[in-house]
Amino acid sequence: MSNSDERPLSICISEHQLARLRKLDYPRSEEMLASATLIEDEGYELTGSRHDFETVAGFVAGDANHSRPSRKRAQLYEIAEALENALSARARFG
């Protein structure tokens, strides 16, 4: 495992998105959710390993794809996008 894989990734999500993630209880999300730190005027920062982000992103995207159009679906897509952006940024800037 390279050093870049060992450094934690982070995303910033809204209070409503955090509440949604807590309700869904995905595999590998426990430590990520426990890391939630309020960042003034920005939302909540979540940190986790690359593997955590990849796993949770897959579950979030799958649930979004299988949800009827709604606020829940929109939130799930937003969360998935934030996770994927963090993953792709790590790949670009490693």
C-alpha atoms as a PDB file:
ATOM      1  CA  MET A   1       0.000   0.000   0.000  1.00  0.00           C
ATOM      2  CA  SER A   2       1.401   3.378  -0.972  1.00  0.00           C
ATOM      3  CA  ASN A   3       1.559   6.330   1.379  1.00  0.00           C
ATOM      4  CA  SER A   4      -1.166   8.106  -0.618  1.00  0.00           C
ATOM      5  CA  ASP A   5      -3.531   5.190   0.039  1.00  0.00           C
ATOM      6  CA  GLU A   6      -2.862   5.450   3.779  1.00  0.00           C
ATOM      7  CA  ARG A   7      -3.628   9.165   4.129  1.00  0.00           C
ATOM      8  CA  PRO A   8      -7.278   9.796   4.940  1.00  0.00           C
ATOM      9  CA  LEU A   9      -9.600  11.410   2.437  1.00  0.00           C
ATOM     10  CA  SER A  10     -12.161  14.002   3.450  1.00  0.00           C
ATOM     11  CA  ILE A  11     -15.396  15.507   2.176  1.00  0.00           C
ATOM     12  CA  CYS A  12     -17.697  18.227   3.425  1.00  0.00           C
ATOM     13  CA  ILE A  13     -21.437  17.515   3.463  1.00  0.00           C
ATOM     14  CA  SER A  14     -24.511  19.256   4.816  1.00  0.00           C
ATOM     15  CA  GLU A  15     -26.266  18.427   8.064  1.00  0.00           C
ATOM     16  CA  HIS A  16     -29.142  16.879   6.064  1.00  0.00           C
ATOM     17  CA  GLN A  17     -26.768  14.719   4.030  1.00  0.00           C
ATOM     18  CA  LEU A  18     -25.058  13.558   7.217  1.00  0.00           C
ATOM     19  CA  ALA A  19     -28.432  12.627   8.718  1.00  0.00           C
ATOM     20  CA  ARG A  20     -29.262  10.667   5.548  1.00  0.00           C
ATOM     21  CA  LEU A  21     -25.990   8.714   5.722  1.00  0.00           C
ATOM     22  CA  ARG A  22     -26.557   7.901   9.386  1.00  0.00           C
ATOM     23  CA  LYS A  23     -29.983   6.427   8.574  1.00  0.00           C
ATOM     24  CA  LEU A  24     -28.612   4.165   5.848  1.00  0.00           C
ATOM     25  CA  ASP A  25     -25.866   2.424   7.853  1.00  0.00           C
ATOM     26  CA  TYR A  26     -23.616   1.319   4.980  1.00  0.00           C
ATOM     27  CA  PRO A  27     -20.726  -1.108   5.405  1.00  0.00           C
ATOM     28  CA  ARG A  28     -17.457   0.716   6.193  1.00  0.00           C
ATOM     29  CA  SER A  29     -19.310   3.931   7.083  1.00  0.00           C
ATOM     30  CA  GLU A  30     -19.019   3.692  10.879  1.00  0.00           C
ATOM     31  CA  GLU A  31     -15.624   5.361  11.277  1.00  0.00           C
ATOM     32  CA  MET A  32     -16.414   7.907   8.589  1.00  0.00           C
ATOM     33  CA  LEU A  33     -19.616   8.919  10.380  1.00  0.00           C
ATOM     34  CA  ALA A  34     -17.851   8.967  13.746  1.00  0.00           C
ATOM     35  CA  SER A  35     -15.322  11.440  12.295  1.00  0.00           C
ATOM     36  CA  ALA A  36     -18.015  14.044  11.500  1.00  0.00           C
ATOM     37  CA  THR A  37     -16.683  17.432  12.517  1.00  0.00           C
ATOM     38  CA  LEU A  38     -18.657  20.640  12.175  1.00  0.00           C
ATOM     39  CA  ILE A  39     -16.845  23.105   9.948  1.00  0.00           C
ATOM     40  CA  GLU A  40     -18.365  26.546  10.449  1.00  0.00           C
ATOM     41  CA  ASP A  41     -20.417  27.722   7.452  1.00  0.00           C
ATOM     42  CA  GLU A  42     -19.399  24.687   5.382  1.00  0.00           C
ATOM     43  CA  GLY A  43     -21.173  21.691   6.907  1.00  0.00           C
ATOM     44  CA  TYR A  44     -19.609  18.551   8.309  1.00  0.00           C
ATOM     45  CA  GLU A  45     -16.242  17.144   7.368  1.00  0.00           C
ATOM     46  CA  LEU A  46     -16.042  13.358   7.120  1.00  0.00           C
ATOM     47  CA  THR A  47     -12.736  11.547   6.845  1.00  0.00           C
ATOM     48  CA  GLY A  48     -11.926   7.982   5.949  1.00  0.00           C
ATOM     49  CA  SER A  49      -9.673   5.667   4.043  1.00  0.00           C
ATOM     50  CA  ARG A  50      -9.744   5.275   0.274  1.00  0.00           C
ATOM     51  CA  HIS A  51     -11.358   1.875   0.768  1.00  0.00           C
ATOM     52  CA  ASP A  52     -14.049   3.391   3.023  1.00  0.00           C
ATOM     53  CA  PHE A  53     -14.823   6.077   0.443  1.00  0.00           C
ATOM     54  CA  GLU A  54     -14.917   3.589  -2.449  1.00  0.00           C
ATOM     55  CA  THR A  55     -17.233   1.221  -0.577  1.00  0.00           C
ATOM     56  CA  VAL A  56     -19.627   3.888   0.674  1.00  0.00           C
ATOM     57  CA  ALA A  57     -19.661   5.643  -2.733  1.00  0.00           C
ATOM     58  CA  GLY A  58     -20.762   2.388  -4.372  1.00  0.00           C
ATOM     59  CA  PHE A  59     -23.619   1.863  -1.933  1.00  0.00           C
ATOM     60  CA  VAL A  60     -24.737   5.500  -2.092  1.00  0.00           C
ATOM     61  CA  ALA A  61     -24.719   5.549  -5.905  1.00  0.00           C
ATOM     62  CA  GLY A  62     -26.593   2.239  -6.039  1.00  0.00           C
ATOM     63  CA  ASP A  63     -29.290   3.507  -3.690  1.00  0.00           C
ATOM     64  CA  ALA A  64     -29.557   6.770  -5.643  1.00  0.00           C
ATOM     65  CA  ASN A  65     -29.963   4.877  -8.913  1.00  0.00           C
ATOM     66  CA  HIS A  66     -32.747   2.746  -7.443  1.00  0.00           C
ATOM     67  CA  SER A  67     -34.639   5.556  -5.699  1.00  0.00           C
ATOM     68  CA  ARG A  68     -37.586   7.388  -7.157  1.00  0.00           C
ATOM     69  CA  PRO A  69     -36.901  11.019  -7.966  1.00  0.00           C
ATOM     70  CA  SER A  70     -37.053  12.818  -4.626  1.00  0.00           C
ATOM     71  CA  ARG A  71     -35.021  14.908  -2.217  1.00  0.00           C
ATOM     72  CA  LYS A  72     -33.529  11.665  -0.897  1.00  0.00           C
ATOM     73  CA  ARG A  73     -32.312  10.718  -4.363  1.00  0.00           C
ATOM     74  CA  ALA A  74     -30.832  14.180  -4.900  1.00  0.00           C
ATOM     75  CA  GLN A  75     -29.016  14.015  -1.553  1.00  0.00           C
ATOM     76  CA  LEU A  76     -27.641  10.575  -2.364  1.00  0.00           C
ATOM     77  CA  TYR A  77     -26.333  11.769  -5.732  1.00  0.00           C
ATOM     78  CA  GLU A  78     -24.713  14.788  -4.047  1.00  0.00           C
ATOM     79  CA  ILE A  79     -23.022  12.565  -1.459  1.00  0.00           C
ATOM     80  CA  ALA A  80     -21.841  10.108  -4.116  1.00  0.00           C
ATOM     81  CA  GLU A  81     -20.431  12.980  -6.163  1.00  0.00           C
ATOM     82  CA  ALA A  82     -18.531  14.365  -3.152  1.00  0.00           C
ATOM     83  CA  LEU A  83     -17.049  10.923  -2.435  1.00  0.00           C
ATOM     84  CA  GLU A  84     -16.095  10.374  -6.082  1.00  0.00           C
ATOM     85  CA  ASN A  85     -14.536  13.850  -6.306  1.00  0.00           C
ATOM     86  CA  ALA A  86     -12.361  13.107  -3.271  1.00  0.00           C
ATOM     87  CA  LEU A  87     -11.317   9.790  -4.808  1.00  0.00           C
ATOM     88  CA  SER A  88     -10.508  11.305  -8.195  1.00  0.00           C
ATOM     89  CA  ALA A  89      -8.609  14.219  -6.629  1.00  0.00           C
ATOM     90  CA  ARG A  90      -6.429  11.734  -4.754  1.00  0.00           C
ATOM     91  CA  ALA A  91      -5.779   9.872  -8.002  1.00  0.00           C
ATOM     92  CA  ARG A  92      -4.773  13.121  -9.775  1.00  0.00           C
ATOM     93  CA  PHE A  93      -2.694  14.630  -7.015  1.00  0.00           C
ATOM     94  CA  GLY A  94      -1.787  11.418  -5.162  1.00  0.00           C
END
